[in-house]
Amino acid sequence: MARHRIGNSYLSDKELEEHKNSLWGVWLFVIGALFGGITAHRVMASFGSPKWAIFIGVVLGALALGSALTALRAYIRMAASLGIALLFLYIVGWCVWKVI
């Protein structure tokens, strides 16, 4: 069984995967919360809603989108990995195409 050093601790393969999943979850929540809050603010402010309603809408929008992205983190991580792999293959193919 492999041991991976993270900071001052050593993690097994399963613990490392859980650590990576939790990091993806945190960052996806932050990104989703920012995007959801900004979007909710723009939409509600354009309707001329009162300040308290905008505040509640921003908080609920941020929590909803952040939580949704966190729940889908395994699929998002897989899609991001696939996208990076396809980008790499495209760049290699483009370089080969230019040489030929």
C-alpha atoms as a PDB file:
ATOM      1  CA  MET A   1       0.000   0.000   0.000  1.00  0.00           C
ATOM      2  CA  ALA A   2       1.428   3.339  -1.058  1.00  0.00           C
ATOM      3  CA  ARG A   3       1.683   6.234   1.359  1.00  0.00           C
ATOM      4  CA  HIS A   4       1.429   9.812   0.117  1.00  0.00           C
ATOM      5  CA  ARG A   5       2.778  12.756   2.062  1.00  0.00           C
ATOM      6  CA  ILE A   6       0.440  15.727   2.364  1.00  0.00           C
ATOM      7  CA  GLY A   7       1.791  18.391   4.687  1.00  0.00           C
ATOM      8  CA  ASN A   8       2.911  16.662   7.883  1.00  0.00           C
ATOM      9  CA  SER A   9       0.794  13.545   7.451  1.00  0.00           C
ATOM     10  CA  TYR A  10       0.927  10.405   5.343  1.00  0.00           C
ATOM     11  CA  LEU A  11      -2.213   9.268   3.562  1.00  0.00           C
ATOM     12  CA  SER A  12      -3.175   5.961   1.994  1.00  0.00           C
ATOM     13  CA  ASP A  13      -4.514   5.848  -1.561  1.00  0.00           C
ATOM     14  CA  LYS A  14      -8.116   5.991  -0.353  1.00  0.00           C
ATOM     15  CA  GLU A  15      -7.400   8.866   2.055  1.00  0.00           C
ATOM     16  CA  LEU A  16      -5.587  10.766  -0.711  1.00  0.00           C
ATOM     17  CA  GLU A  17      -8.583  10.392  -3.013  1.00  0.00           C
ATOM     18  CA  GLU A  18     -10.891  11.668  -0.251  1.00  0.00           C
ATOM     19  CA  HIS A  19      -8.526  14.601   0.312  1.00  0.00           C
ATOM     20  CA  LYS A  20      -8.552  15.499  -3.393  1.00  0.00           C
ATOM     21  CA  ASN A  21     -12.346  15.151  -3.521  1.00  0.00           C
ATOM     22  CA  SER A  22     -12.749  17.475  -0.555  1.00  0.00           C
ATOM     23  CA  LEU A  23     -10.450  20.075  -2.139  1.00  0.00           C
ATOM     24  CA  TRP A  24     -12.450  19.939  -5.363  1.00  0.00           C
ATOM     25  CA  GLY A  25     -15.638  20.275  -3.310  1.00  0.00           C
ATOM     26  CA  VAL A  26     -14.392  23.362  -1.483  1.00  0.00           C
ATOM     27  CA  TRP A  27     -13.239  25.158  -4.614  1.00  0.00           C
ATOM     28  CA  LEU A  28     -16.334  24.227  -6.590  1.00  0.00           C
ATOM     29  CA  PHE A  29     -18.496  25.531  -3.747  1.00  0.00           C
ATOM     30  CA  VAL A  30     -16.596  28.834  -3.680  1.00  0.00           C
ATOM     31  CA  ILE A  31     -16.773  29.263  -7.461  1.00  0.00           C
ATOM     32  CA  GLY A  32     -20.454  28.275  -7.557  1.00  0.00           C
ATOM     33  CA  ALA A  33     -21.321  30.533  -4.640  1.00  0.00           C
ATOM     34  CA  LEU A  34     -19.629  33.522  -6.255  1.00  0.00           C
ATOM     35  CA  PHE A  35     -21.233  32.898  -9.631  1.00  0.00           C
ATOM     36  CA  GLY A  36     -24.658  32.153  -8.127  1.00  0.00           C
ATOM     37  CA  GLY A  37     -24.558  35.204  -5.870  1.00  0.00           C
ATOM     38  CA  ILE A  38     -23.485  37.568  -8.632  1.00  0.00           C
ATOM     39  CA  THR A  39     -26.091  36.199 -11.017  1.00  0.00           C
ATOM     40  CA  ALA A  40     -28.857  36.408  -8.411  1.00  0.00           C
ATOM     41  CA  HIS A  41     -27.871  39.999  -7.602  1.00  0.00           C
ATOM     42  CA  ARG A  42     -27.926  41.061 -11.248  1.00  0.00           C
ATOM     43  CA  VAL A  43     -31.304  39.465 -11.879  1.00  0.00           C
ATOM     44  CA  MET A  44     -32.986  40.753  -8.718  1.00  0.00           C
ATOM     45  CA  ALA A  45     -31.496  44.250  -8.960  1.00  0.00           C
ATOM     46  CA  SER A  46     -32.767  44.567 -12.534  1.00  0.00           C
ATOM     47  CA  PHE A  47     -36.323  44.026 -11.225  1.00  0.00           C
ATOM     48  CA  GLY A  48     -35.876  46.773  -8.634  1.00  0.00           C
ATOM     49  CA  SER A  49     -36.410  44.457  -5.673  1.00  0.00           C
ATOM     50  CA  PRO A  50     -36.023  45.788  -2.120  1.00  0.00           C
ATOM     51  CA  LYS A  51     -32.619  45.461  -0.484  1.00  0.00           C
ATOM     52  CA  TRP A  52     -33.681  42.722   1.950  1.00  0.00           C
ATOM     53  CA  ALA A  53     -35.094  40.605  -0.901  1.00  0.00           C
ATOM     54  CA  ILE A  54     -31.892  41.022  -2.909  1.00  0.00           C
ATOM     55  CA  PHE A  55     -29.847  39.960   0.126  1.00  0.00           C
ATOM     56  CA  ILE A  56     -31.942  36.825   0.670  1.00  0.00           C
ATOM     57  CA  GLY A  57     -31.855  36.028  -3.051  1.00  0.00           C
ATOM     58  CA  VAL A  58     -28.085  36.397  -3.225  1.00  0.00           C
ATOM     59  CA  VAL A  59     -27.540  34.161  -0.188  1.00  0.00           C
ATOM     60  CA  LEU A  60     -29.961  31.492  -1.407  1.00  0.00           C
ATOM     61  CA  GLY A  61     -28.610  31.615  -4.963  1.00  0.00           C
ATOM     62  CA  ALA A  62     -25.034  31.309  -3.742  1.00  0.00           C
ATOM     63  CA  LEU A  63     -25.849  28.396  -1.432  1.00  0.00           C
ATOM     64  CA  ALA A  64     -27.918  26.607  -4.074  1.00  0.00           C
ATOM     65  CA  LEU A  65     -25.371  26.772  -6.881  1.00  0.00           C
ATOM     66  CA  GLY A  66     -22.418  26.119  -4.575  1.00  0.00           C
ATOM     67  CA  SER A  67     -24.124  23.061  -3.114  1.00  0.00           C
ATOM     68  CA  ALA A  68     -25.145  21.766  -6.537  1.00  0.00           C
ATOM     69  CA  LEU A  69     -21.593  22.006  -7.873  1.00  0.00           C
ATOM     70  CA  THR A  70     -20.244  20.348  -4.738  1.00  0.00           C
ATOM     71  CA  ALA A  71     -22.697  17.480  -5.154  1.00  0.00           C
ATOM     72  CA  LEU A  72     -21.593  17.019  -8.767  1.00  0.00           C
ATOM     73  CA  ARG A  73     -17.857  17.279  -8.023  1.00  0.00           C
ATOM     74  CA  ALA A  74     -16.998  13.754  -9.175  1.00  0.00           C
ATOM     75  CA  TYR A  75     -18.539  14.367 -12.607  1.00  0.00           C
ATOM     76  CA  ILE A  76     -17.010  17.839 -12.875  1.00  0.00           C
ATOM     77  CA  ARG A  77     -13.592  16.454 -11.965  1.00  0.00           C
ATOM     78  CA  MET A  78     -13.972  13.723 -14.572  1.00  0.00           C
ATOM     79  CA  ALA A  79     -15.078  16.237 -17.232  1.00  0.00           C
ATOM     80  CA  ALA A  80     -12.168  18.548 -16.394  1.00  0.00           C
ATOM     81  CA  SER A  81      -9.689  15.675 -16.689  1.00  0.00           C
ATOM     82  CA  LEU A  82     -11.208  14.597 -19.988  1.00  0.00           C
ATOM     83  CA  GLY A  83     -11.083  18.166 -21.277  1.00  0.00           C
ATOM     84  CA  ILE A  84      -7.410  18.524 -20.386  1.00  0.00           C
ATOM     85  CA  ALA A  85      -6.603  15.186 -22.035  1.00  0.00           C
ATOM     86  CA  LEU A  86      -8.485  16.167 -25.210  1.00  0.00           C
ATOM     87  CA  LEU A  87      -6.748  19.549 -25.277  1.00  0.00           C
ATOM     88  CA  PHE A  88      -3.374  17.807 -25.006  1.00  0.00           C
ATOM     89  CA  LEU A  89      -4.264  15.427 -27.855  1.00  0.00           C
ATOM     90  CA  TYR A  90      -5.473  18.347 -29.975  1.00  0.00           C
ATOM     91  CA  ILE A  91      -2.220  20.264 -29.429  1.00  0.00           C
ATOM     92  CA  VAL A  92      -0.104  17.195 -30.274  1.00  0.00           C
ATOM     93  CA  GLY A  93      -2.235  16.511 -33.370  1.00  0.00           C
ATOM     94  CA  TRP A  94      -1.997  20.137 -34.459  1.00  0.00           C
ATOM     95  CA  CYS A  95       1.799  20.095 -34.084  1.00  0.00           C
ATOM     96  CA  VAL A  96       2.057  16.861 -36.083  1.00  0.00           C
ATOM     97  CA  TRP A  97      -0.273  18.306 -38.745  1.00  0.00           C
ATOM     98  CA  LYS A  98       1.909  21.413 -39.091  1.00  0.00           C
ATOM     99  CA  VAL A  99       5.089  19.324 -39.441  1.00  0.00           C
ATOM    100  CA  ILE A 100       3.584  17.102 -42.148  1.00  0.00           C
END
